[in-house]
PDB file of N, CA and C in Angstrom:
ATOM      1  N   MET A   1      80.993  -1.923  -9.988  1.00  0.00           N
ATOM      2  CA  MET A   1      81.101  -3.332  -9.683  1.00  0.00           C
ATOM      3  C   MET A   1      82.535  -3.799  -9.925  1.00  0.00           C
ATOM      4  N   GLU A   2      82.852  -4.940  -9.356  1.00  0.00           N
ATOM      5  CA  GLU A   2      84.155  -5.540  -9.580  1.00  0.00           C
ATOM      6  C   GLU A   2      84.335  -5.784 -11.078  1.00  0.00           C
ATOM      7  N   GLY A   3      85.481  -5.420 -11.609  1.00  0.00           N
ATOM      8  CA  GLY A   3      85.740  -5.586 -13.034  1.00  0.00           C
ATOM      9  C   GLY A   3      85.374  -4.364 -13.854  1.00  0.00           C
ATOM     10  N   GLY A   4      84.765  -3.358 -13.224  1.00  0.00           N
ATOM     11  CA  GLY A   4      84.486  -2.117 -13.927  1.00  0.00           C
ATOM     12  C   GLY A   4      83.110  -1.997 -14.536  1.00  0.00           C
ATOM     13  N   THR A   5      82.216  -2.957 -14.320  1.00  0.00           N
ATOM     14  CA  THR A   5      80.858  -2.870 -14.863  1.00  0.00           C
ATOM     15  C   THR A   5      80.058  -1.862 -14.061  1.00  0.00           C
ATOM     16  N   SER A   6      79.341  -0.991 -14.770  1.00  0.00           N
ATOM     17  CA  SER A   6      78.498   0.006 -14.118  1.00  0.00           C
ATOM     18  C   SER A   6      77.054  -0.182 -14.530  1.00  0.00           C
ATOM     19  N   PHE A   7      76.148   0.049 -13.612  1.00  0.00           N
ATOM     20  CA  PHE A   7      74.726   0.032 -13.904  1.00  0.00           C
ATOM     21  C   PHE A   7      74.162   1.391 -13.542  1.00  0.00           C
ATOM     22  N   HIS A   8      73.387   1.966 -14.448  1.00  0.00           N
ATOM     23  CA  HIS A   8      72.722   3.242 -14.216  1.00  0.00           C
ATOM     24  C   HIS A   8      71.241   3.045 -14.483  1.00  0.00           C
ATOM     25  N   PHE A   9      70.413   3.464 -13.565  1.00  0.00           N
ATOM     26  CA  PHE A   9      68.976   3.368 -13.741  1.00  0.00           C
ATOM     27  C   PHE A   9      68.472   4.744 -14.125  1.00  0.00           C
ATOM     28  N   VAL A  10      67.951   4.853 -15.340  1.00  0.00           N
ATOM     29  CA  VAL A  10      67.540   6.131 -15.907  1.00  0.00           C
ATOM     30  C   VAL A  10      66.049   6.060 -16.188  1.00  0.00           C
ATOM     31  N   THR A  11      65.328   7.107 -15.780  1.00  0.00           N
ATOM     32  CA  THR A  11      63.873   7.096 -15.945  1.00  0.00           C
ATOM     33  C   THR A  11      63.376   8.154 -16.924  1.00  0.00           C
ATOM     34  N   ASP A  12      64.291   8.843 -17.617  1.00  0.00           N
ATOM     35  CA  ASP A  12      63.820   9.904 -18.522  1.00  0.00           C
ATOM     36  C   ASP A  12      63.988   9.545 -19.994  1.00  0.00           C
ATOM     37  N   GLY A  13      63.789   8.279 -20.334  1.00  0.00           N
ATOM     38  CA  GLY A  13      63.723   7.869 -21.723  1.00  0.00           C
ATOM     39  C   GLY A  13      64.947   7.139 -22.237  1.00  0.00           C
ATOM     40  N   ILE A  14      64.745   6.476 -23.385  1.00  0.00           N
ATOM     41  CA  ILE A  14      65.802   5.629 -23.941  1.00  0.00           C
ATOM     42  C   ILE A  14      66.980   6.438 -24.463  1.00  0.00           C
ATOM     43  N   HIS A  15      66.729   7.627 -25.005  1.00  0.00           N
ATOM     44  CA  HIS A  15      67.829   8.435 -25.525  1.00  0.00           C
ATOM     45  C   HIS A  15      68.733   8.925 -24.386  1.00  0.00           C
ATOM     46  N   ALA A  16      68.128   9.343 -23.283  1.00  0.00           N
ATOM     47  CA  ALA A  16      68.914   9.775 -22.120  1.00  0.00           C
ATOM     48  C   ALA A  16      69.703   8.601 -21.548  1.00  0.00           C
ATOM     49  N   ALA A  17      69.077   7.431 -21.509  1.00  0.00           N
ATOM     50  CA  ALA A  17      69.767   6.246 -20.995  1.00  0.00           C
ATOM     51  C   ALA A  17      70.949   5.877 -21.887  1.00  0.00           C
ATOM     52  N   LEU A  18      70.759   5.953 -23.207  1.00  0.00           N
ATOM     53  CA  LEU A  18      71.848   5.628 -24.128  1.00  0.00           C
ATOM     54  C   LEU A  18      72.979   6.649 -24.022  1.00  0.00           C
ATOM     55  N   ASP A  19      72.641   7.910 -23.910  1.00  0.00           N
ATOM     56  CA  ASP A  19      73.674   8.938 -23.732  1.00  0.00           C
ATOM     57  C   ASP A  19      74.500   8.674 -22.486  1.00  0.00           C
ATOM     58  N   ARG A  20      73.831   8.340 -21.406  1.00  0.00           N
ATOM     59  CA  ARG A  20      74.525   8.064 -20.132  1.00  0.00           C
ATOM     60  C   ARG A  20      75.407   6.824 -20.239  1.00  0.00           C
ATOM     61  N   ALA A  21      74.895   5.804 -20.928  1.00  0.00           N
ATOM     62  CA  ALA A  21      75.668   4.571 -21.099  1.00  0.00           C
ATOM     63  C   ALA A  21      76.899   4.811 -21.963  1.00  0.00           C
ATOM     64  N   ARG A  22      76.741   5.588 -23.035  1.00  0.00           N
ATOM     65  CA  ARG A  22      77.891   5.889 -23.898  1.00  0.00           C
ATOM     66  C   ARG A  22      78.955   6.678 -23.135  1.00  0.00           C
ATOM     67  N   GLU A  23      78.505   7.599 -22.323  1.00  0.00           N
ATOM     68  CA  GLU A  23      79.436   8.392 -21.509  1.00  0.00           C
ATOM     69  C   GLU A  23      80.203   7.484 -20.547  1.00  0.00           C
ATOM     70  N   ALA A  24      79.493   6.576 -19.913  1.00  0.00           N
ATOM     71  CA  ALA A  24      80.129   5.664 -18.953  1.00  0.00           C
ATOM     72  C   ALA A  24      81.058   4.674 -19.650  1.00  0.00           C
ATOM     73  N   ALA A  25      80.718   4.249 -20.872  1.00  0.00           N
ATOM     74  CA  ALA A  25      81.497   3.235 -21.578  1.00  0.00           C
ATOM     75  C   ALA A  25      82.762   3.782 -22.216  1.00  0.00           C
ATOM     76  N   GLY A  26      82.772   5.075 -22.506  1.00  0.00           N
ATOM     77  CA  GLY A  26      83.949   5.620 -23.186  1.00  0.00           C
ATOM     78  C   GLY A  26      84.093   4.995 -24.566  1.00  0.00           C
ATOM     79  N   VAL A  27      85.204   4.306 -24.797  1.00  0.00           N
ATOM     80  CA  VAL A  27      85.451   3.690 -26.103  1.00  0.00           C
ATOM     81  C   VAL A  27      84.922   2.257 -26.185  1.00  0.00           C
ATOM     82  N   GLN A  28      84.425   1.722 -25.083  1.00  0.00           N
ATOM     83  CA  GLN A  28      83.936   0.344 -25.066  1.00  0.00           C
ATOM     84  C   GLN A  28      82.497   0.266 -25.594  1.00  0.00           C
ATOM     85  N   ASP A  29      82.066  -0.956 -25.895  1.00  0.00           N
ATOM     86  CA  ASP A  29      80.702  -1.182 -26.356  1.00  0.00           C
ATOM     87  C   ASP A  29      79.702  -0.928 -25.240  1.00  0.00           C
ATOM     88  N   VAL A  30      78.499  -0.558 -25.629  1.00  0.00           N
ATOM     89  CA  VAL A  30      77.380  -0.422 -24.703  1.00  0.00           C
ATOM     90  C   VAL A  30      76.476  -1.624 -24.936  1.00  0.00           C
ATOM     91  N   ARG A  31      76.103  -2.282 -23.867  1.00  0.00           N
ATOM     92  CA  ARG A  31      75.203  -3.432 -23.970  1.00  0.00           C
ATOM     93  C   ARG A  31      73.872  -3.081 -23.334  1.00  0.00           C
ATOM     94  N   LEU A  32      72.826  -3.456 -24.015  1.00  0.00           N
ATOM     95  CA  LEU A  32      71.472  -3.149 -23.575  1.00  0.00           C
ATOM     96  C   LEU A  32      70.950  -4.272 -22.698  1.00  0.00           C
ATOM     97  N   GLY A  33      70.439  -3.925 -21.531  1.00  0.00           N
ATOM     98  CA  GLY A  33      69.829  -4.896 -20.652  1.00  0.00           C
ATOM     99  C   GLY A  33      68.365  -4.557 -20.466  1.00  0.00           C
ATOM    100  N   GLY A  34      67.568  -5.559 -20.302  1.00  0.00           N
ATOM    101  CA  GLY A  34      66.140  -5.328 -20.119  1.00  0.00           C
ATOM    102  C   GLY A  34      65.366  -6.431 -20.802  1.00  0.00           C
ATOM    103  N   GLY A  35      64.092  -6.315 -20.734  1.00  0.00           N
ATOM    104  CA  GLY A  35      63.236  -7.312 -21.359  1.00  0.00           C
ATOM    105  C   GLY A  35      62.875  -6.937 -22.784  1.00  0.00           C
ATOM    106  N   ALA A  36      61.920  -7.675 -23.325  1.00  0.00           N
ATOM    107  CA  ALA A  36      61.504  -7.480 -24.710  1.00  0.00           C
ATOM    108  C   ALA A  36      61.005  -6.057 -24.956  1.00  0.00           C
ATOM    109  N   ALA A  37      60.274  -5.477 -24.021  1.00  0.00           N
ATOM    110  CA  ALA A  37      59.731  -4.123 -24.221  1.00  0.00           C
ATOM    111  C   ALA A  37      60.853  -3.098 -24.369  1.00  0.00           C
ATOM    112  N   THR A  38      61.902  -3.241 -23.594  1.00  0.00           N
ATOM    113  CA  THR A  38      63.047  -2.326 -23.690  1.00  0.00           C
ATOM    114  C   THR A  38      63.753  -2.486 -25.029  1.00  0.00           C
ATOM    115  N   ILE A  39      64.020  -3.714 -25.417  1.00  0.00           N
ATOM    116  CA  ILE A  39      64.700  -3.978 -26.680  1.00  0.00           C
ATOM    117  C   ILE A  39      63.861  -3.463 -27.843  1.00  0.00           C
ATOM    118  N   ARG A  40      62.550  -3.670 -27.793  1.00  0.00           N
ATOM    119  CA  ARG A  40      61.654  -3.208 -28.864  1.00  0.00           C
ATOM    120  C   ARG A  40      61.735  -1.677 -29.023  1.00  0.00           C
ATOM    121  N   GLN A  41      61.802  -0.949 -27.925  1.00  0.00           N
ATOM    122  CA  GLN A  41      61.899   0.509 -28.006  1.00  0.00           C
ATOM    123  C   GLN A  41      63.178   0.937 -28.731  1.00  0.00           C
ATOM    124  N   TYR A  42      64.290   0.323 -28.373  1.00  0.00           N
ATOM    125  CA  TYR A  42      65.563   0.664 -29.003  1.00  0.00           C
ATOM    126  C   TYR A  42      65.599   0.230 -30.472  1.00  0.00           C
ATOM    127  N   LEU A  43      65.024  -0.936 -30.778  1.00  0.00           N
ATOM    128  CA  LEU A  43      64.957  -1.391 -32.168  1.00  0.00           C
ATOM    129  C   LEU A  43      64.145  -0.425 -33.025  1.00  0.00           C
ATOM    130  N   GLN A  44      62.959  -0.068 -32.545  1.00  0.00           N
ATOM    131  CA  GLN A  44      62.085   0.822 -33.314  1.00  0.00           C
ATOM    132  C   GLN A  44      62.707   2.187 -33.526  1.00  0.00           C
ATOM    133  N   ALA A  45      63.554   2.619 -32.613  1.00  0.00           N
ATOM    134  CA  ALA A  45      64.231   3.909 -32.749  1.00  0.00           C
ATOM    135  C   ALA A  45      65.510   3.787 -33.580  1.00  0.00           C
ATOM    136  N   GLY A  46      65.862   2.555 -33.991  1.00  0.00           N
ATOM    137  CA  GLY A  46      67.061   2.339 -34.799  1.00  0.00           C
ATOM    138  C   GLY A  46      68.354   2.546 -34.038  1.00  0.00           C
ATOM    139  N   LEU A  47      68.328   2.335 -32.728  1.00  0.00           N
ATOM    140  CA  LEU A  47      69.485   2.623 -31.888  1.00  0.00           C
ATOM    141  C   LEU A  47      70.359   1.409 -31.580  1.00  0.00           C
ATOM    142  N   ILE A  48      69.986   0.246 -32.088  1.00  0.00           N
ATOM    143  CA  ILE A  48      70.783  -0.956 -31.858  1.00  0.00           C
ATOM    144  C   ILE A  48      71.625  -1.214 -33.101  1.00  0.00           C
ATOM    145  N   ASP A  49      72.941  -1.298 -32.924  1.00  0.00           N
ATOM    146  CA  ASP A  49      73.842  -1.572 -34.040  1.00  0.00           C
ATOM    147  C   ASP A  49      73.922  -3.063 -34.339  1.00  0.00           C
ATOM    148  N   GLU A  50      73.968  -3.877 -33.275  1.00  0.00           N
ATOM    149  CA  GLU A  50      74.117  -5.315 -33.450  1.00  0.00           C
ATOM    150  C   GLU A  50      73.457  -6.041 -32.290  1.00  0.00           C
ATOM    151  N   MET A  51      72.818  -7.168 -32.611  1.00  0.00           N
ATOM    152  CA  MET A  51      72.163  -7.987 -31.579  1.00  0.00           C
ATOM    153  C   MET A  51      72.595  -9.432 -31.721  1.00  0.00           C
ATOM    154  N   HIS A  52      72.861 -10.072 -30.598  1.00  0.00           N
ATOM    155  CA  HIS A  52      73.096 -11.514 -30.557  1.00  0.00           C
ATOM    156  C   HIS A  52      71.886 -12.116 -29.866  1.00  0.00           C
ATOM    157  N   ILE A  53      71.169 -12.956 -30.586  1.00  0.00           N
ATOM    158  CA  ILE A  53      69.950 -13.562 -30.055  1.00  0.00           C
ATOM    159  C   ILE A  53      70.163 -15.062 -29.943  1.00  0.00           C
ATOM    160  N   ALA A  54      69.909 -15.617 -28.769  1.00  0.00           N
ATOM    161  CA  ALA A  54      69.973 -17.057 -28.560  1.00  0.00           C
ATOM    162  C   ALA A  54      68.546 -17.574 -28.429  1.00  0.00           C
ATOM    163  N   ILE A  55      68.174 -18.476 -29.312  1.00  0.00           N
ATOM    164  CA  ILE A  55      66.823 -19.039 -29.314  1.00  0.00           C
ATOM    165  C   ILE A  55      66.910 -20.481 -28.834  1.00  0.00           C
ATOM    166  N   SER A  56      66.246 -20.751 -27.729  1.00  0.00           N
ATOM    167  CA  SER A  56      66.258 -22.084 -27.153  1.00  0.00           C
ATOM    168  C   SER A  56      65.028 -22.856 -27.618  1.00  0.00           C
ATOM    169  N   PRO A  57      65.180 -24.155 -27.878  1.00  0.00           N
ATOM    170  CA  PRO A  57      64.030 -24.943 -28.322  1.00  0.00           C
ATOM    171  C   PRO A  57      63.097 -25.358 -27.180  1.00  0.00           C
ATOM    172  N   ILE A  58      63.181 -24.680 -26.058  1.00  0.00           N
ATOM    173  CA  ILE A  58      62.331 -24.998 -24.909  1.00  0.00           C
ATOM    174  C   ILE A  58      61.274 -23.918 -24.771  1.00  0.00           C
ATOM    175  N   LEU A  59      60.014 -24.310 -24.714  1.00  0.00           N
ATOM    176  CA  LEU A  59      58.935 -23.339 -24.530  1.00  0.00           C
ATOM    177  C   LEU A  59      58.723 -23.106 -23.047  1.00  0.00           C
ATOM    178  N   LEU A  60      58.801 -21.833 -22.635  1.00  0.00           N
ATOM    179  CA  LEU A  60      58.717 -21.505 -21.211  1.00  0.00           C
ATOM    180  C   LEU A  60      57.401 -20.844 -20.819  1.00  0.00           C
ATOM    181  N   GLY A  61      56.523 -20.640 -21.744  1.00  0.00           N
ATOM    182  CA  GLY A  61      55.262 -19.966 -21.435  1.00  0.00           C
ATOM    183  C   GLY A  61      54.956 -18.937 -22.502  1.00  0.00           C
ATOM    184  N   SER A  62      54.050 -18.027 -22.193  1.00  0.00           N
ATOM    185  CA  SER A  62      53.608 -17.080 -23.219  1.00  0.00           C
ATOM    186  C   SER A  62      54.653 -16.016 -23.515  1.00  0.00           C
ATOM    187  N   GLY A  63      55.321 -15.465 -22.522  1.00  0.00           N
ATOM    188  CA  GLY A  63      56.376 -14.479 -22.738  1.00  0.00           C
ATOM    189  C   GLY A  63      55.910 -13.228 -23.469  1.00  0.00           C
ATOM    190  N   GLU A  64      56.868 -12.407 -23.867  1.00  0.00           N
ATOM    191  CA  GLU A  64      56.596 -11.195 -24.633  1.00  0.00           C
ATOM    192  C   GLU A  64      57.185 -11.362 -26.025  1.00  0.00           C
ATOM    193  N   PRO A  65      56.457 -10.962 -27.063  1.00  0.00           N
ATOM    194  CA  PRO A  65      57.022 -11.062 -28.412  1.00  0.00           C
ATOM    195  C   PRO A  65      58.108 -10.006 -28.618  1.00  0.00           C
ATOM    196  N   LEU A  66      59.230 -10.417 -29.188  1.00  0.00           N
ATOM    197  CA  LEU A  66      60.336  -9.495 -29.400  1.00  0.00           C
ATOM    198  C   LEU A  66      60.187  -8.707 -30.697  1.00  0.00           C
ATOM    199  N   PHE A  67      59.755  -9.371 -31.770  1.00  0.00           N
ATOM    200  CA  PHE A  67      59.732  -8.730 -33.079  1.00  0.00           C
ATOM    201  C   PHE A  67      58.338  -8.451 -33.631  1.00  0.00           C
ATOM    202  N   ALA A  68      57.283  -8.757 -32.895  1.00  0.00           N
ATOM    203  CA  ALA A  68      55.916  -8.570 -33.405  1.00  0.00           C
ATOM    204  C   ALA A  68      55.687  -7.118 -33.821  1.00  0.00           C
ATOM    205  N   GLY A  69      55.283  -6.930 -35.080  1.00  0.00           N
ATOM    206  CA  GLY A  69      54.986  -5.597 -35.576  1.00  0.00           C
ATOM    207  C   GLY A  69      56.204  -4.758 -35.925  1.00  0.00           C
ATOM    208  N   ILE A  70      57.402  -5.329 -35.822  1.00  0.00           N
ATOM    209  CA  ILE A  70      58.626  -4.593 -36.158  1.00  0.00           C
ATOM    210  C   ILE A  70      59.210  -5.197 -37.430  1.00  0.00           C
ATOM    211  N   ASP A  71      59.345  -4.397 -38.459  1.00  0.00           N
ATOM    212  CA  ASP A  71      59.925  -4.850 -39.726  1.00  0.00           C
ATOM    213  C   ASP A  71      61.424  -4.590 -39.680  1.00  0.00           C
ATOM    214  N   THR A  72      62.168  -5.570 -39.178  1.00  0.00           N
ATOM    215  CA  THR A  72      63.606  -5.386 -38.996  1.00  0.00           C
ATOM    216  C   THR A  72      64.331  -5.155 -40.325  1.00  0.00           C
ATOM    217  N   VAL A  73      63.830  -5.762 -41.402  1.00  0.00           N
ATOM    218  CA  VAL A  73      64.473  -5.582 -42.709  1.00  0.00           C
ATOM    219  C   VAL A  73      64.357  -4.128 -43.161  1.00  0.00           C
ATOM    220  N   SER A  74      63.173  -3.532 -43.022  1.00  0.00           N
ATOM    221  CA  SER A  74      63.015  -2.138 -43.447  1.00  0.00           C
ATOM    222  C   SER A  74      63.786  -1.180 -42.532  1.00  0.00           C
ATOM    223  N   LEU A  75      64.070  -1.609 -41.306  1.00  0.00           N
ATOM    224  CA  LEU A  75      64.883  -0.794 -40.402  1.00  0.00           C
ATOM    225  C   LEU A  75      66.380  -0.943 -40.685  1.00  0.00           C
ATOM    226  N   GLY A  76      66.728  -1.851 -41.608  1.00  0.00           N
ATOM    227  CA  GLY A  76      68.127  -2.007 -42.004  1.00  0.00           C
ATOM    228  C   GLY A  76      68.866  -3.155 -41.357  1.00  0.00           C
ATOM    229  N   TYR A  77      68.174  -4.013 -40.618  1.00  0.00           N
ATOM    230  CA  TYR A  77      68.845  -5.125 -39.943  1.00  0.00           C
ATOM    231  C   TYR A  77      68.938  -6.340 -40.858  1.00  0.00           C
ATOM    232  N   ARG A  78      70.096  -6.997 -40.806  1.00  0.00           N
ATOM    233  CA  ARG A  78      70.338  -8.206 -41.591  1.00  0.00           C
ATOM    234  C   ARG A  78      70.981  -9.243 -40.681  1.00  0.00           C
ATOM    235  N   CYS A  79      70.684 -10.508 -40.941  1.00  0.00           N
ATOM    236  CA  CYS A  79      71.346 -11.595 -40.211  1.00  0.00           C
ATOM    237  C   CYS A  79      72.731 -11.766 -40.828  1.00  0.00           C
ATOM    238  N   VAL A  80      73.776 -11.565 -40.023  1.00  0.00           N
ATOM    239  CA  VAL A  80      75.144 -11.661 -40.527  1.00  0.00           C
ATOM    240  C   VAL A  80      75.850 -12.929 -40.056  1.00  0.00           C
ATOM    241  N   ASP A  81      75.244 -13.654 -39.120  1.00  0.00           N
ATOM    242  CA  ASP A  81      75.834 -14.898 -38.647  1.00  0.00           C
ATOM    243  C   ASP A  81      74.763 -15.722 -37.958  1.00  0.00           C
ATOM    244  N   HIS A  82      74.882 -17.025 -38.062  1.00  0.00           N
ATOM    245  CA  HIS A  82      73.975 -17.917 -37.337  1.00  0.00           C
ATOM    246  C   HIS A  82      74.671 -19.254 -37.098  1.00  0.00           C
ATOM    247  N   VAL A  83      74.452 -19.786 -35.915  1.00  0.00           N
ATOM    248  CA  VAL A  83      75.033 -21.068 -35.528  1.00  0.00           C
ATOM    249  C   VAL A  83      73.964 -21.848 -34.783  1.00  0.00           C
ATOM    250  N   ALA A  84      73.725 -23.072 -35.216  1.00  0.00           N
ATOM    251  CA  ALA A  84      72.750 -23.928 -34.539  1.00  0.00           C
ATOM    252  C   ALA A  84      73.479 -24.989 -33.729  1.00  0.00           C
ATOM    253  N   THR A  85      73.049 -25.171 -32.487  1.00  0.00           N
ATOM    254  CA  THR A  85      73.561 -26.236 -31.632  1.00  0.00           C
ATOM    255  C   THR A  85      72.350 -26.993 -31.098  1.00  0.00           C
ATOM    256  N   PRO A  86      72.541 -28.133 -30.460  1.00  0.00           N
ATOM    257  CA  PRO A  86      71.390 -28.829 -29.882  1.00  0.00           C
ATOM    258  C   PRO A  86      70.684 -28.007 -28.792  1.00  0.00           C
ATOM    259  N   ALA A  87      71.405 -27.101 -28.148  1.00  0.00           N
ATOM    260  CA  ALA A  87      70.828 -26.338 -27.041  1.00  0.00           C
ATOM    261  C   ALA A  87      70.190 -25.027 -27.474  1.00  0.00           C
ATOM    262  N   ALA A  88      70.670 -24.453 -28.592  1.00  0.00           N
ATOM    263  CA  ALA A  88      70.140 -23.149 -29.003  1.00  0.00           C
ATOM    264  C   ALA A  88      70.586 -22.822 -30.430  1.00  0.00           C
ATOM    265  N   THR A  89      69.868 -21.897 -31.032  1.00  0.00           N
ATOM    266  CA  THR A  89      70.295 -21.313 -32.299  1.00  0.00           C
ATOM    267  C   THR A  89      70.709 -19.885 -31.993  1.00  0.00           C
ATOM    268  N   HIS A  90      71.901 -19.512 -32.422  1.00  0.00           N
ATOM    269  CA  HIS A  90      72.440 -18.178 -32.159  1.00  0.00           C
ATOM    270  C   HIS A  90      72.413 -17.375 -33.454  1.00  0.00           C
ATOM    271  N   LEU A  91      71.827 -16.194 -33.387  1.00  0.00           N
ATOM    272  CA  LEU A  91      71.738 -15.297 -34.534  1.00  0.00           C
ATOM    273  C   LEU A  91      72.436 -13.988 -34.200  1.00  0.00           C
ATOM    274  N   VAL A  92      73.102 -13.406 -35.168  1.00  0.00           N
ATOM    275  CA  VAL A  92      73.656 -12.068 -35.017  1.00  0.00           C
ATOM    276  C   VAL A  92      72.991 -11.200 -36.073  1.00  0.00           C
ATOM    277  N   LEU A  93      72.266 -10.182 -35.618  1.00  0.00           N
ATOM    278  CA  LEU A  93      71.629  -9.220 -36.505  1.00  0.00           C
ATOM    279  C   LEU A  93      72.426  -7.922 -36.430  1.00  0.00           C
ATOM    280  N   ARG A  94      72.714  -7.340 -37.577  1.00  0.00           N
ATOM    281  CA  ARG A  94      73.494  -6.090 -37.609  1.00  0.00           C
ATOM    282  C   ARG A  94      72.748  -5.078 -38.465  1.00  0.00           C
ATOM    283  N   LYS A  95      72.761  -3.838 -38.007  1.00  0.00           N
ATOM    284  CA  LYS A  95      72.124  -2.758 -38.751  1.00  0.00           C
ATOM    285  C   LYS A  95      73.100  -2.260 -39.806  1.00  0.00           C
ATOM    286  N   HIS A  96      72.616  -2.184 -41.044  1.00  0.00           N
ATOM    287  CA  HIS A  96      73.410  -1.697 -42.170  1.00  0.00           C
ATOM    288  C   HIS A  96      72.843  -0.370 -42.641  1.00  0.00           C
ATOM    289  N   SER A  97      73.680   0.459 -43.216  1.00  0.00           N
ATOM    290  CA  SER A  97      73.217   1.727 -43.774  1.00  0.00           C
ATOM    291  C   SER A  97      72.307   1.438 -44.951  1.00  0.00           C
ATOM    292  N   GLN A  98      71.325   2.284 -45.114  1.00  0.00           N
ATOM    293  CA  GLN A  98      70.384   2.065 -46.209  1.00  0.00           C
ATOM    294  C   GLN A  98      70.645   3.002 -47.338  1.00  0.00           C
TER     295      GLN A  98
END
């Protein structure tokens, strides 16, 4: 894509997708795209180093739960930053060594 962004569609699992993304990114960060189910898989596998979550005070329907049944604290994640605005609350969760 213009600006150097690449998209790869991988169907053989999250580890293969992450390997491919790291290869494509070189020294740059890898960003995870997908819905709650994708993020949950990477979280449960401990493969996310840092997450920026924007929580809007608008209810849009039932949606998918992001953290249901996942103990982020026991996985090593801590909230390292948070900012509240009238439009959203922004959280940064970072994985720390245990």
